[in-house]
Amino acid sequence: MDYKKSKAPTNTVTRDIMNLCEDTGNIYESVAIISKRANQISSEIKQDLNKKLAEFASYNDSLDEVFENREQIEISRYYEKLPKPSLLATEEFIEGNVYYRDPSKENEE
């Protein structure tokens, strides 16, 4: 998922819970799916940010010198302005872009 091109809102949006539970038939199951996807998105964003910030890491043990790198600050600000992972996951779920399955239901069939 390219979270940089997502149409998810950056602010909290009130959702109709009936729309969220249409696919699963249970609001709690829908919320569990969204939360698991939000955790995945969060870890992806964190890995991406850490990879980009690792380029600016200094390996000196000197605590006296603190360098401000303008590029590093801009990267951090960019990631701060991204929508929260929960909003991205909710948008994906509503659009039908999240694959999920319930193994217990598959065994019953």
PDB file of N, CA and C in Angstrom:
ATOM      1  N   MET A   1       0.835  -1.177   0.000  1.00  0.00           N
ATOM      2  CA  MET A   1       0.000   0.000   0.000  1.00  0.00           C
ATOM      3  C   MET A   1       0.875   1.234   0.000  1.00  0.00           C
ATOM      4  N   ASP A   2       0.566   2.151  -0.855  1.00  0.00           N
ATOM      5  CA  ASP A   2       1.323   3.393  -0.901  1.00  0.00           C
ATOM      6  C   ASP A   2       0.590   4.430  -0.063  1.00  0.00           C
ATOM      7  N   TYR A   3       0.992   4.550   1.182  1.00  0.00           N
ATOM      8  CA  TYR A   3       0.317   5.448   2.106  1.00  0.00           C
ATOM      9  C   TYR A   3       0.547   6.908   1.751  1.00  0.00           C
ATOM     10  N   LYS A   4       1.531   7.168   0.909  1.00  0.00           N
ATOM     11  CA  LYS A   4       1.811   8.542   0.512  1.00  0.00           C
ATOM     12  C   LYS A   4       0.759   9.071  -0.458  1.00  0.00           C
ATOM     13  N   LYS A   5       0.119   8.180  -1.199  1.00  0.00           N
ATOM     14  CA  LYS A   5      -0.878   8.586  -2.192  1.00  0.00           C
ATOM     15  C   LYS A   5      -2.303   8.312  -1.725  1.00  0.00           C
ATOM     16  N   SER A   6      -2.477   7.990  -0.473  1.00  0.00           N
ATOM     17  CA  SER A   6      -3.792   7.645   0.047  1.00  0.00           C
ATOM     18  C   SER A   6      -4.691   8.869   0.136  1.00  0.00           C
ATOM     19  N   LYS A   7      -5.987   8.633  -0.018  1.00  0.00           N
ATOM     20  CA  LYS A   7      -6.962   9.706   0.093  1.00  0.00           C
ATOM     21  C   LYS A   7      -7.526   9.802   1.509  1.00  0.00           C
ATOM     22  N   ALA A   8      -6.901   9.124   2.456  1.00  0.00           N
ATOM     23  CA  ALA A   8      -7.387   9.119   3.830  1.00  0.00           C
ATOM     24  C   ALA A   8      -7.280  10.524   4.426  1.00  0.00           C
ATOM     25  N   PRO A   9      -8.263  10.901   5.229  1.00  0.00           N
ATOM     26  CA  PRO A   9      -8.215  12.230   5.856  1.00  0.00           C
ATOM     27  C   PRO A   9      -7.119  12.291   6.912  1.00  0.00           C
ATOM     28  N   THR A  10      -6.608  13.491   7.143  1.00  0.00           N
ATOM     29  CA  THR A  10      -5.569  13.651   8.163  1.00  0.00           C
ATOM     30  C   THR A  10      -6.176  13.888   9.543  1.00  0.00           C
ATOM     31  N   ASN A  11      -7.446  14.227   9.582  1.00  0.00           N
ATOM     32  CA  ASN A  11      -8.132  14.434  10.852  1.00  0.00           C
ATOM     33  C   ASN A  11      -9.133  13.315  11.089  1.00  0.00           C
ATOM     34  N   THR A  12      -9.564  13.205  12.326  1.00  0.00           N
ATOM     35  CA  THR A  12     -10.538  12.186  12.681  1.00  0.00           C
ATOM     36  C   THR A  12     -11.869  12.469  11.995  1.00  0.00           C
ATOM     37  N   VAL A  13     -12.488  11.411  11.491  1.00  0.00           N
ATOM     38  CA  VAL A  13     -13.755  11.528  10.773  1.00  0.00           C
ATOM     39  C   VAL A  13     -14.769  10.615  11.448  1.00  0.00           C
ATOM     40  N   THR A  14     -15.978  11.112  11.629  1.00  0.00           N
ATOM     41  CA  THR A  14     -17.036  10.286  12.192  1.00  0.00           C
ATOM     42  C   THR A  14     -17.539   9.339  11.112  1.00  0.00           C
ATOM     43  N   ARG A  15     -17.610   8.062  11.448  1.00  0.00           N
ATOM     44  CA  ARG A  15     -18.038   7.047  10.483  1.00  0.00           C
ATOM     45  C   ARG A  15     -19.351   6.428  10.946  1.00  0.00           C
ATOM     46  N   ASP A  16     -20.130   5.982   9.998  1.00  0.00           N
ATOM     47  CA  ASP A  16     -21.343   5.242  10.299  1.00  0.00           C
ATOM     48  C   ASP A  16     -20.952   3.786  10.550  1.00  0.00           C
ATOM     49  N   ILE A  17     -21.222   3.287  11.746  1.00  0.00           N
ATOM     50  CA  ILE A  17     -20.772   1.940  12.087  1.00  0.00           C
ATOM     51  C   ILE A  17     -21.494   0.879  11.268  1.00  0.00           C
ATOM     52  N   MET A  18     -22.644   1.199  10.748  1.00  0.00           N
ATOM     53  CA  MET A  18     -23.355   0.229   9.915  1.00  0.00           C
ATOM     54  C   MET A  18     -22.608  -0.011   8.602  1.00  0.00           C
ATOM     55  N   ASN A  19     -21.935   1.024   8.091  1.00  0.00           N
ATOM     56  CA  ASN A  19     -21.129   0.847   6.877  1.00  0.00           C
ATOM     57  C   ASN A  19     -19.890   0.001   7.152  1.00  0.00           C
ATOM     58  N   LEU A  20     -19.347   0.129   8.359  1.00  0.00           N
ATOM     59  CA  LEU A  20     -18.147  -0.635   8.700  1.00  0.00           C
ATOM     60  C   LEU A  20     -18.437  -2.121   8.881  1.00  0.00           C
ATOM     61  N   CYS A  21     -19.634  -2.455   9.318  1.00  0.00           N
ATOM     62  CA  CYS A  21     -19.920  -3.866   9.590  1.00  0.00           C
ATOM     63  C   CYS A  21     -20.668  -4.554   8.448  1.00  0.00           C
ATOM     64  N   GLU A  22     -20.787  -3.906   7.293  1.00  0.00           N
ATOM     65  CA  GLU A  22     -21.480  -4.527   6.157  1.00  0.00           C
ATOM     66  C   GLU A  22     -20.764  -5.789   5.674  1.00  0.00           C
ATOM     67  N   ASP A  23     -19.459  -5.737   5.544  1.00  0.00           N
ATOM     68  CA  ASP A  23     -18.697  -6.870   4.995  1.00  0.00           C
ATOM     69  C   ASP A  23     -18.619  -8.042   5.958  1.00  0.00           C
ATOM     70  N   THR A  24     -18.400  -7.752   7.229  1.00  0.00           N
ATOM     71  CA  THR A  24     -18.184  -8.818   8.201  1.00  0.00           C
ATOM     72  C   THR A  24     -19.453  -9.218   8.933  1.00  0.00           C
ATOM     73  N   GLY A  25     -20.403  -8.301   9.037  1.00  0.00           N
ATOM     74  CA  GLY A  25     -21.629  -8.580   9.784  1.00  0.00           C
ATOM     75  C   GLY A  25     -21.476  -8.336  11.280  1.00  0.00           C
ATOM     76  N   ASN A  26     -20.295  -7.903  11.710  1.00  0.00           N
ATOM     77  CA  ASN A  26     -20.030  -7.691  13.121  1.00  0.00           C
ATOM     78  C   ASN A  26     -19.076  -6.509  13.253  1.00  0.00           C
ATOM     79  N   ILE A  27     -19.478  -5.499  14.001  1.00  0.00           N
ATOM     80  CA  ILE A  27     -18.655  -4.300  14.144  1.00  0.00           C
ATOM     81  C   ILE A  27     -17.343  -4.614  14.856  1.00  0.00           C
ATOM     82  N   TYR A  28     -17.380  -5.529  15.811  1.00  0.00           N
ATOM     83  CA  TYR A  28     -16.167  -5.860  16.564  1.00  0.00           C
ATOM     84  C   TYR A  28     -15.136  -6.569  15.678  1.00  0.00           C
ATOM     85  N   GLU A  29     -15.625  -7.406  14.806  1.00  0.00           N
ATOM     86  CA  GLU A  29     -14.726  -8.088  13.864  1.00  0.00           C
ATOM     87  C   GLU A  29     -14.114  -7.070  12.896  1.00  0.00           C
ATOM     88  N   SER A  30     -14.922  -6.125  12.448  1.00  0.00           N
ATOM     89  CA  SER A  30     -14.419  -5.083  11.550  1.00  0.00           C
ATOM     90  C   SER A  30     -13.348  -4.241  12.234  1.00  0.00           C
ATOM     91  N   VAL A  31     -13.594  -3.872  13.482  1.00  0.00           N
ATOM     92  CA  VAL A  31     -12.621  -3.067  14.221  1.00  0.00           C
ATOM     93  C   VAL A  31     -11.334  -3.854  14.450  1.00  0.00           C
ATOM     94  N   ALA A  32     -11.443  -5.154  14.719  1.00  0.00           N
ATOM     95  CA  ALA A  32     -10.255  -5.988  14.911  1.00  0.00           C
ATOM     96  C   ALA A  32      -9.433  -6.060  13.620  1.00  0.00           C
ATOM     97  N   ILE A  33     -10.101  -6.184  12.485  1.00  0.00           N
ATOM     98  CA  ILE A  33      -9.417  -6.226  11.186  1.00  0.00           C
ATOM     99  C   ILE A  33      -8.720  -4.900  10.921  1.00  0.00           C
ATOM    100  N   ILE A  34      -9.423  -3.800  11.184  1.00  0.00           N
ATOM    101  CA  ILE A  34      -8.846  -2.470  10.967  1.00  0.00           C
ATOM    102  C   ILE A  34      -7.648  -2.250  11.882  1.00  0.00           C
ATOM    103  N   SER A  35      -7.744  -2.694  13.127  1.00  0.00           N
ATOM    104  CA  SER A  35      -6.630  -2.477  14.065  1.00  0.00           C
ATOM    105  C   SER A  35      -5.404  -3.296  13.673  1.00  0.00           C
ATOM    106  N   LYS A  36      -5.615  -4.515  13.204  1.00  0.00           N
ATOM    107  CA  LYS A  36      -4.472  -5.322  12.762  1.00  0.00           C
ATOM    108  C   LYS A  36      -3.807  -4.699  11.536  1.00  0.00           C
ATOM    109  N   ARG A  37      -4.605  -4.188  10.620  1.00  0.00           N
ATOM    110  CA  ARG A  37      -4.048  -3.528   9.429  1.00  0.00           C
ATOM    111  C   ARG A  37      -3.332  -2.240   9.831  1.00  0.00           C
ATOM    112  N   ALA A  38      -3.877  -1.509  10.808  1.00  0.00           N
ATOM    113  CA  ALA A  38      -3.231  -0.279  11.274  1.00  0.00           C
ATOM    114  C   ALA A  38      -1.866  -0.588  11.878  1.00  0.00           C
ATOM    115  N   ASN A  39      -1.753  -1.698  12.591  1.00  0.00           N
ATOM    116  CA  ASN A  39      -0.458  -2.102  13.147  1.00  0.00           C
ATOM    117  C   ASN A  39       0.537  -2.412  12.031  1.00  0.00           C
ATOM    118  N   GLN A  40       0.066  -3.071  10.967  1.00  0.00           N
ATOM    119  CA  GLN A  40       0.941  -3.367   9.829  1.00  0.00           C
ATOM    120  C   GLN A  40       1.419  -2.080   9.159  1.00  0.00           C
ATOM    121  N   ILE A  41       0.503  -1.147   8.944  1.00  0.00           N
ATOM    122  CA  ILE A  41       0.849   0.120   8.305  1.00  0.00           C
ATOM    123  C   ILE A  41       1.828   0.893   9.182  1.00  0.00           C
ATOM    124  N   SER A  42       1.577   0.892  10.472  1.00  0.00           N
ATOM    125  CA  SER A  42       2.452   1.600  11.407  1.00  0.00           C
ATOM    126  C   SER A  42       3.871   1.053  11.359  1.00  0.00           C
ATOM    127  N   SER A  43       4.005  -0.251  11.318  1.00  0.00           N
ATOM    128  CA  SER A  43       5.349  -0.836  11.263  1.00  0.00           C
ATOM    129  C   SER A  43       6.023  -0.537   9.924  1.00  0.00           C
ATOM    130  N   GLU A  44       5.254  -0.513   8.828  1.00  0.00           N
ATOM    131  CA  GLU A  44       5.816  -0.157   7.518  1.00  0.00           C
ATOM    132  C   GLU A  44       6.338   1.271   7.523  1.00  0.00           C
ATOM    133  N   ILE A  45       5.543   2.181   8.073  1.00  0.00           N
ATOM    134  CA  ILE A  45       5.943   3.590   8.123  1.00  0.00           C
ATOM    135  C   ILE A  45       7.179   3.751   9.000  1.00  0.00           C
ATOM    136  N   LYS A  46       7.197   3.051  10.130  1.00  0.00           N
ATOM    137  CA  LYS A  46       8.334   3.151  11.038  1.00  0.00           C
ATOM    138  C   LYS A  46       9.608   2.634  10.384  1.00  0.00           C
ATOM    139  N   GLN A  47       9.528   1.516   9.686  1.00  0.00           N
ATOM    140  CA  GLN A  47      10.705   0.971   9.003  1.00  0.00           C
ATOM    141  C   GLN A  47      11.193   1.926   7.919  1.00  0.00           C
ATOM    142  N   ASP A  48      10.252   2.500   7.180  1.00  0.00           N
ATOM    143  CA  ASP A  48      10.609   3.443   6.118  1.00  0.00           C
ATOM    144  C   ASP A  48      11.286   4.681   6.701  1.00  0.00           C
ATOM    145  N   LEU A  49      10.735   5.220   7.775  1.00  0.00           N
ATOM    146  CA  LEU A  49      11.301   6.402   8.408  1.00  0.00           C
ATOM    147  C   LEU A  49      12.681   6.102   8.986  1.00  0.00           C
ATOM    148  N   ASN A  50      12.814   4.981   9.656  1.00  0.00           N
ATOM    149  CA  ASN A  50      14.119   4.612  10.236  1.00  0.00           C
ATOM    150  C   ASN A  50      15.180   4.433   9.154  1.00  0.00           C
ATOM    151  N   LYS A  51      14.766   3.864   8.017  1.00  0.00           N
ATOM    152  CA  LYS A  51      15.707   3.666   6.904  1.00  0.00           C
ATOM    153  C   LYS A  51      16.183   5.014   6.367  1.00  0.00           C
ATOM    154  N   LYS A  52      15.264   5.968   6.234  1.00  0.00           N
ATOM    155  CA  LYS A  52      15.639   7.281   5.721  1.00  0.00           C
ATOM    156  C   LYS A  52      16.474   8.066   6.724  1.00  0.00           C
ATOM    157  N   LEU A  53      16.152   7.951   8.011  1.00  0.00           N
ATOM    158  CA  LEU A  53      16.899   8.692   9.025  1.00  0.00           C
ATOM    159  C   LEU A  53      18.261   8.064   9.312  1.00  0.00           C
ATOM    160  N   ALA A  54      18.419   6.780   8.982  1.00  0.00           N
ATOM    161  CA  ALA A  54      19.695   6.114   9.199  1.00  0.00           C
ATOM    162  C   ALA A  54      20.793   6.716   8.319  1.00  0.00           C
ATOM    163  N   GLU A  55      20.412   7.308   7.224  1.00  0.00           N
ATOM    164  CA  GLU A  55      21.378   7.949   6.344  1.00  0.00           C
ATOM    165  C   GLU A  55      22.053   9.136   7.030  1.00  0.00           C
ATOM    166  N   PHE A  56      21.344   9.745   7.979  1.00  0.00           N
ATOM    167  CA  PHE A  56      21.862  10.930   8.646  1.00  0.00           C
ATOM    168  C   PHE A  56      22.516  10.612   9.989  1.00  0.00           C
ATOM    169  N   ALA A  57      22.552   9.354  10.363  1.00  0.00           N
ATOM    170  CA  ALA A  57      23.082   8.984  11.669  1.00  0.00           C
ATOM    171  C   ALA A  57      24.578   9.259  11.735  1.00  0.00           C
ATOM    172  N   SER A  58      24.978   9.850  12.841  1.00  0.00           N
ATOM    173  CA  SER A  58      26.401  10.057  13.071  1.00  0.00           C
ATOM    174  C   SER A  58      26.840   9.069  14.137  1.00  0.00           C
ATOM    175  N   TYR A  59      27.970   8.493  13.919  1.00  0.00           N
ATOM    176  CA  TYR A  59      28.437   7.441  14.812  1.00  0.00           C
ATOM    177  C   TYR A  59      29.497   7.950  15.790  1.00  0.00           C
ATOM    178  N   ASN A  60      29.507   9.242  16.013  1.00  0.00           N
ATOM    179  CA  ASN A  60      30.436   9.809  16.988  1.00  0.00           C
ATOM    180  C   ASN A  60      29.830   9.680  18.380  1.00  0.00           C
ATOM    181  N   ASP A  61      30.671   9.453  19.350  1.00  0.00           N
ATOM    182  CA  ASP A  61      30.194   9.339  20.722  1.00  0.00           C
ATOM    183  C   ASP A  61      30.209  10.674  21.448  1.00  0.00           C
ATOM    184  N   SER A  62      30.440  11.720  20.734  1.00  0.00           N
ATOM    185  CA  SER A  62      30.521  13.041  21.335  1.00  0.00           C
ATOM    186  C   SER A  62      29.121  13.573  21.623  1.00  0.00           C
ATOM    187  N   LEU A  63      28.869  13.878  22.879  1.00  0.00           N
ATOM    188  CA  LEU A  63      27.580  14.440  23.248  1.00  0.00           C
ATOM    189  C   LEU A  63      27.603  15.962  23.168  1.00  0.00           C
ATOM    190  N   ASP A  64      28.781  16.528  22.993  1.00  0.00           N
ATOM    191  CA  ASP A  64      28.900  17.985  22.960  1.00  0.00           C
ATOM    192  C   ASP A  64      28.362  18.576  21.668  1.00  0.00           C
ATOM    193  N   GLU A  65      28.496  17.850  20.596  1.00  0.00           N
ATOM    194  CA  GLU A  65      28.097  18.375  19.298  1.00  0.00           C
ATOM    195  C   GLU A  65      26.728  17.844  18.908  1.00  0.00           C
ATOM    196  N   VAL A  66      25.837  18.763  18.605  1.00  0.00           N
ATOM    197  CA  VAL A  66      24.510  18.391  18.124  1.00  0.00           C
ATOM    198  C   VAL A  66      24.331  19.059  16.771  1.00  0.00           C
ATOM    199  N   PHE A  67      24.123  18.239  15.771  1.00  0.00           N
ATOM    200  CA  PHE A  67      23.977  18.769  14.419  1.00  0.00           C
ATOM    201  C   PHE A  67      22.502  18.809  14.041  1.00  0.00           C
ATOM    202  N   GLU A  68      22.088  19.929  13.478  1.00  0.00           N
ATOM    203  CA  GLU A  68      20.742  20.030  12.928  1.00  0.00           C
ATOM    204  C   GLU A  68      20.855  19.908  11.420  1.00  0.00           C
ATOM    205  N   ASN A  69      20.237  18.905  10.904  1.00  0.00           N
ATOM    206  CA  ASN A  69      20.273  18.676   9.474  1.00  0.00           C
ATOM    207  C   ASN A  69      18.894  19.043   8.917  1.00  0.00           C
ATOM    208  N   ARG A  70      18.866  20.004   8.032  1.00  0.00           N
ATOM    209  CA  ARG A  70      17.597  20.494   7.501  1.00  0.00           C
ATOM    210  C   ARG A  70      16.819  19.390   6.777  1.00  0.00           C
ATOM    211  N   GLU A  71      17.512  18.530   6.037  1.00  0.00           N
ATOM    212  CA  GLU A  71      16.834  17.435   5.331  1.00  0.00           C
ATOM    213  C   GLU A  71      16.190  16.468   6.310  1.00  0.00           C
ATOM    214  N   GLN A  72      16.886  16.179   7.386  1.00  0.00           N
ATOM    215  CA  GLN A  72      16.351  15.268   8.403  1.00  0.00           C
ATOM    216  C   GLN A  72      15.094  15.855   9.043  1.00  0.00           C
ATOM    217  N   ILE A  73      15.110  17.140   9.299  1.00  0.00           N
ATOM    218  CA  ILE A  73      13.946  17.807   9.888  1.00  0.00           C
ATOM    219  C   ILE A  73      12.775  17.779   8.913  1.00  0.00           C
ATOM    220  N   GLU A  74      13.030  18.006   7.638  1.00  0.00           N
ATOM    221  CA  GLU A  74      11.962  17.993   6.641  1.00  0.00           C
ATOM    222  C   GLU A  74      11.358  16.599   6.494  1.00  0.00           C
ATOM    223  N   ILE A  75      12.196  15.562   6.537  1.00  0.00           N
ATOM    224  CA  ILE A  75      11.683  14.192   6.462  1.00  0.00           C
ATOM    225  C   ILE A  75      10.793  13.898   7.662  1.00  0.00           C
ATOM    226  N   SER A  76      11.224  14.308   8.835  1.00  0.00           N
ATOM    227  CA  SER A  76      10.432  14.077  10.043  1.00  0.00           C
ATOM    228  C   SER A  76       9.099  14.815   9.976  1.00  0.00           C
ATOM    229  N   ARG A  77       9.119  16.040   9.505  1.00  0.00           N
ATOM    230  CA  ARG A  77       7.867  16.810   9.378  1.00  0.00           C
ATOM    231  C   ARG A  77       6.914  16.166   8.376  1.00  0.00           C
ATOM    232  N   TYR A  78       7.481  15.652   7.289  1.00  0.00           N
ATOM    233  CA  TYR A  78       6.648  14.998   6.281  1.00  0.00           C
ATOM    234  C   TYR A  78       5.906  13.812   6.897  1.00  0.00           C
ATOM    235  N   TYR A  79       6.618  12.999   7.653  1.00  0.00           N
ATOM    236  CA  TYR A  79       5.996  11.829   8.256  1.00  0.00           C
ATOM    237  C   TYR A  79       5.013  12.207   9.363  1.00  0.00           C
ATOM    238  N   GLU A  80       5.231  13.326  10.020  1.00  0.00           N
ATOM    239  CA  GLU A  80       4.289  13.790  11.029  1.00  0.00           C
ATOM    240  C   GLU A  80       2.975  14.234  10.401  1.00  0.00           C
ATOM    241  N   LYS A  81       3.018  14.725   9.166  1.00  0.00           N
ATOM    242  CA  LYS A  81       1.818  15.216   8.491  1.00  0.00           C
ATOM    243  C   LYS A  81       1.005  14.116   7.828  1.00  0.00           C
ATOM    244  N   LEU A  82       1.565  12.921   7.717  1.00  0.00           N
ATOM    245  CA  LEU A  82       0.824  11.809   7.123  1.00  0.00           C
ATOM    246  C   LEU A  82      -0.386  11.454   7.985  1.00  0.00           C
ATOM    247  N   PRO A  83      -1.437  10.920   7.371  1.00  0.00           N
ATOM    248  CA  PRO A  83      -2.575  10.453   8.175  1.00  0.00           C
ATOM    249  C   PRO A  83      -2.143   9.340   9.125  1.00  0.00           C
ATOM    250  N   LYS A  84      -2.836   9.238  10.234  1.00  0.00           N
ATOM    251  CA  LYS A  84      -2.524   8.198  11.214  1.00  0.00           C
ATOM    252  C   LYS A  84      -2.803   6.825  10.612  1.00  0.00           C
ATOM    253  N   PRO A  85      -2.069   5.798  11.049  1.00  0.00           N
ATOM    254  CA  PRO A  85      -2.268   4.452  10.506  1.00  0.00           C
ATOM    255  C   PRO A  85      -3.704   3.940  10.664  1.00  0.00           C
ATOM    256  N   SER A  86      -4.368   4.319  11.743  1.00  0.00           N
ATOM    257  CA  SER A  86      -5.751   3.871  11.929  1.00  0.00           C
ATOM    258  C   SER A  86      -6.678   4.480  10.881  1.00  0.00           C
ATOM    259  N   LEU A  87      -6.428   5.721  10.494  1.00  0.00           N
ATOM    260  CA  LEU A  87      -7.237   6.354   9.450  1.00  0.00           C
ATOM    261  C   LEU A  87      -6.946   5.734   8.081  1.00  0.00           C
ATOM    262  N   LEU A  88      -5.678   5.419   7.839  1.00  0.00           N
ATOM    263  CA  LEU A  88      -5.318   4.751   6.584  1.00  0.00           C
ATOM    264  C   LEU A  88      -5.965   3.369   6.499  1.00  0.00           C
ATOM    265  N   ALA A  89      -5.914   2.627   7.604  1.00  0.00           N
ATOM    266  CA  ALA A  89      -6.495   1.282   7.627  1.00  0.00           C
ATOM    267  C   ALA A  89      -8.003   1.326   7.459  1.00  0.00           C
ATOM    268  N   THR A  90      -8.660   2.288   8.087  1.00  0.00           N
ATOM    269  CA  THR A  90     -10.113   2.418   7.955  1.00  0.00           C
ATOM    270  C   THR A  90     -10.488   2.739   6.515  1.00  0.00           C
ATOM    271  N   GLU A  91      -9.735   3.615   5.892  1.00  0.00           N
ATOM    272  CA  GLU A  91     -10.004   3.975   4.492  1.00  0.00           C
ATOM    273  C   GLU A  91      -9.821   2.760   3.580  1.00  0.00           C
ATOM    274  N   GLU A  92      -8.771   1.985   3.826  1.00  0.00           N
ATOM    275  CA  GLU A  92      -8.551   0.764   3.040  1.00  0.00           C
ATOM    276  C   GLU A  92      -9.702  -0.218   3.231  1.00  0.00           C
ATOM    277  N   PHE A  93     -10.159  -0.375   4.463  1.00  0.00           N
ATOM    278  CA  PHE A  93     -11.238  -1.319   4.762  1.00  0.00           C
ATOM    279  C   PHE A  93     -12.531  -0.898   4.068  1.00  0.00           C
ATOM    280  N   ILE A  94     -12.830   0.379   4.109  1.00  0.00           N
ATOM    281  CA  ILE A  94     -14.059   0.886   3.480  1.00  0.00           C
ATOM    282  C   ILE A  94     -14.002   0.713   1.965  1.00  0.00           C
ATOM    283  N   GLU A  95     -12.825   0.936   1.378  1.00  0.00           N
ATOM    284  CA  GLU A  95     -12.669   0.788  -0.068  1.00  0.00           C
ATOM    285  C   GLU A  95     -12.608  -0.673  -0.503  1.00  0.00           C
ATOM    286  N   GLY A  96     -12.467  -1.591   0.448  1.00  0.00           N
ATOM    287  CA  GLY A  96     -12.409  -3.008   0.130  1.00  0.00           C
ATOM    288  C   GLY A  96     -11.033  -3.483  -0.285  1.00  0.00           C
ATOM    289  N   ASN A  97      -9.992  -2.774   0.128  1.00  0.00           N
ATOM    290  CA  ASN A  97      -8.626  -3.128  -0.248  1.00  0.00           C
ATOM    291  C   ASN A  97      -7.913  -3.978   0.797  1.00  0.00           C
ATOM    292  N   VAL A  98      -8.638  -4.443   1.811  1.00  0.00           N
ATOM    293  CA  VAL A  98      -8.030  -5.248   2.864  1.00  0.00           C
ATOM    294  C   VAL A  98      -8.508  -6.688   2.704  1.00  0.00           C
ATOM    295  N   TYR A  99      -7.547  -7.599   2.619  1.00  0.00           N
ATOM    296  CA  TYR A  99      -7.887  -9.020   2.551  1.00  0.00           C
ATOM    297  C   TYR A  99      -7.883  -9.573   3.967  1.00  0.00           C
ATOM    298  N   TYR A 100      -8.938 -10.275   4.325  1.00  0.00           N
ATOM    299  CA  TYR A 100      -9.010 -10.898   5.642  1.00  0.00           C
ATOM    300  C   TYR A 100      -9.759 -12.216   5.517  1.00  0.00           C
ATOM    301  N   ARG A 101      -9.486 -13.083   6.456  1.00  0.00           N
ATOM    302  CA  ARG A 101     -10.200 -14.357   6.481  1.00  0.00           C
ATOM    303  C   ARG A 101     -10.310 -14.806   7.927  1.00  0.00           C
ATOM    304  N   ASP A 102     -11.275 -15.649   8.191  1.00  0.00           N
ATOM    305  CA  ASP A 102     -11.483 -16.196   9.526  1.00  0.00           C
ATOM    306  C   ASP A 102     -11.365 -17.708   9.432  1.00  0.00           C
ATOM    307  N   PRO A 103     -10.263 -18.272   9.918  1.00  0.00           N
ATOM    308  CA  PRO A 103     -10.064 -19.725   9.807  1.00  0.00           C
ATOM    309  C   PRO A 103     -11.132 -20.540  10.509  1.00  0.00           C
ATOM    310  N   SER A 104     -11.724 -20.028  11.568  1.00  0.00           N
ATOM    311  CA  SER A 104     -12.757 -20.780  12.281  1.00  0.00           C
ATOM    312  C   SER A 104     -14.024 -20.919  11.427  1.00  0.00           C
ATOM    313  N   LYS A 105     -14.331 -19.920  10.643  1.00  0.00           N
ATOM    314  CA  LYS A 105     -15.502 -19.990   9.762  1.00  0.00           C
ATOM    315  C   LYS A 105     -15.226 -20.916   8.571  1.00  0.00           C
ATOM    316  N   GLU A 106     -13.979 -20.977   8.127  1.00  0.00           N
ATOM    317  CA  GLU A 106     -13.635 -21.848   7.002  1.00  0.00           C
ATOM    318  C   GLU A 106     -13.739 -23.317   7.400  1.00  0.00           C
ATOM    319  N   ASN A 107     -13.432 -23.638   8.645  1.00  0.00           N
ATOM    320  CA  ASN A 107     -13.510 -25.016   9.124  1.00  0.00           C
ATOM    321  C   ASN A 107     -14.964 -25.502   9.243  1.00  0.00           C
ATOM    322  N   GLU A 108     -15.887 -24.566   9.521  1.00  0.00           N
ATOM    323  CA  GLU A 108     -17.296 -24.938   9.669  1.00  0.00           C
ATOM    324  C   GLU A 108     -17.932 -25.291   8.337  1.00  0.00           C
ATOM    325  N   GLU A 109     -17.448 -24.704   7.263  1.00  0.00           N
ATOM    326  CA  GLU A 109     -18.069 -24.898   5.942  1.00  0.00           C
ATOM    327  C   GLU A 109     -17.695 -26.171   5.304  1.00  0.00           C
TER     328      GLU A 109
END
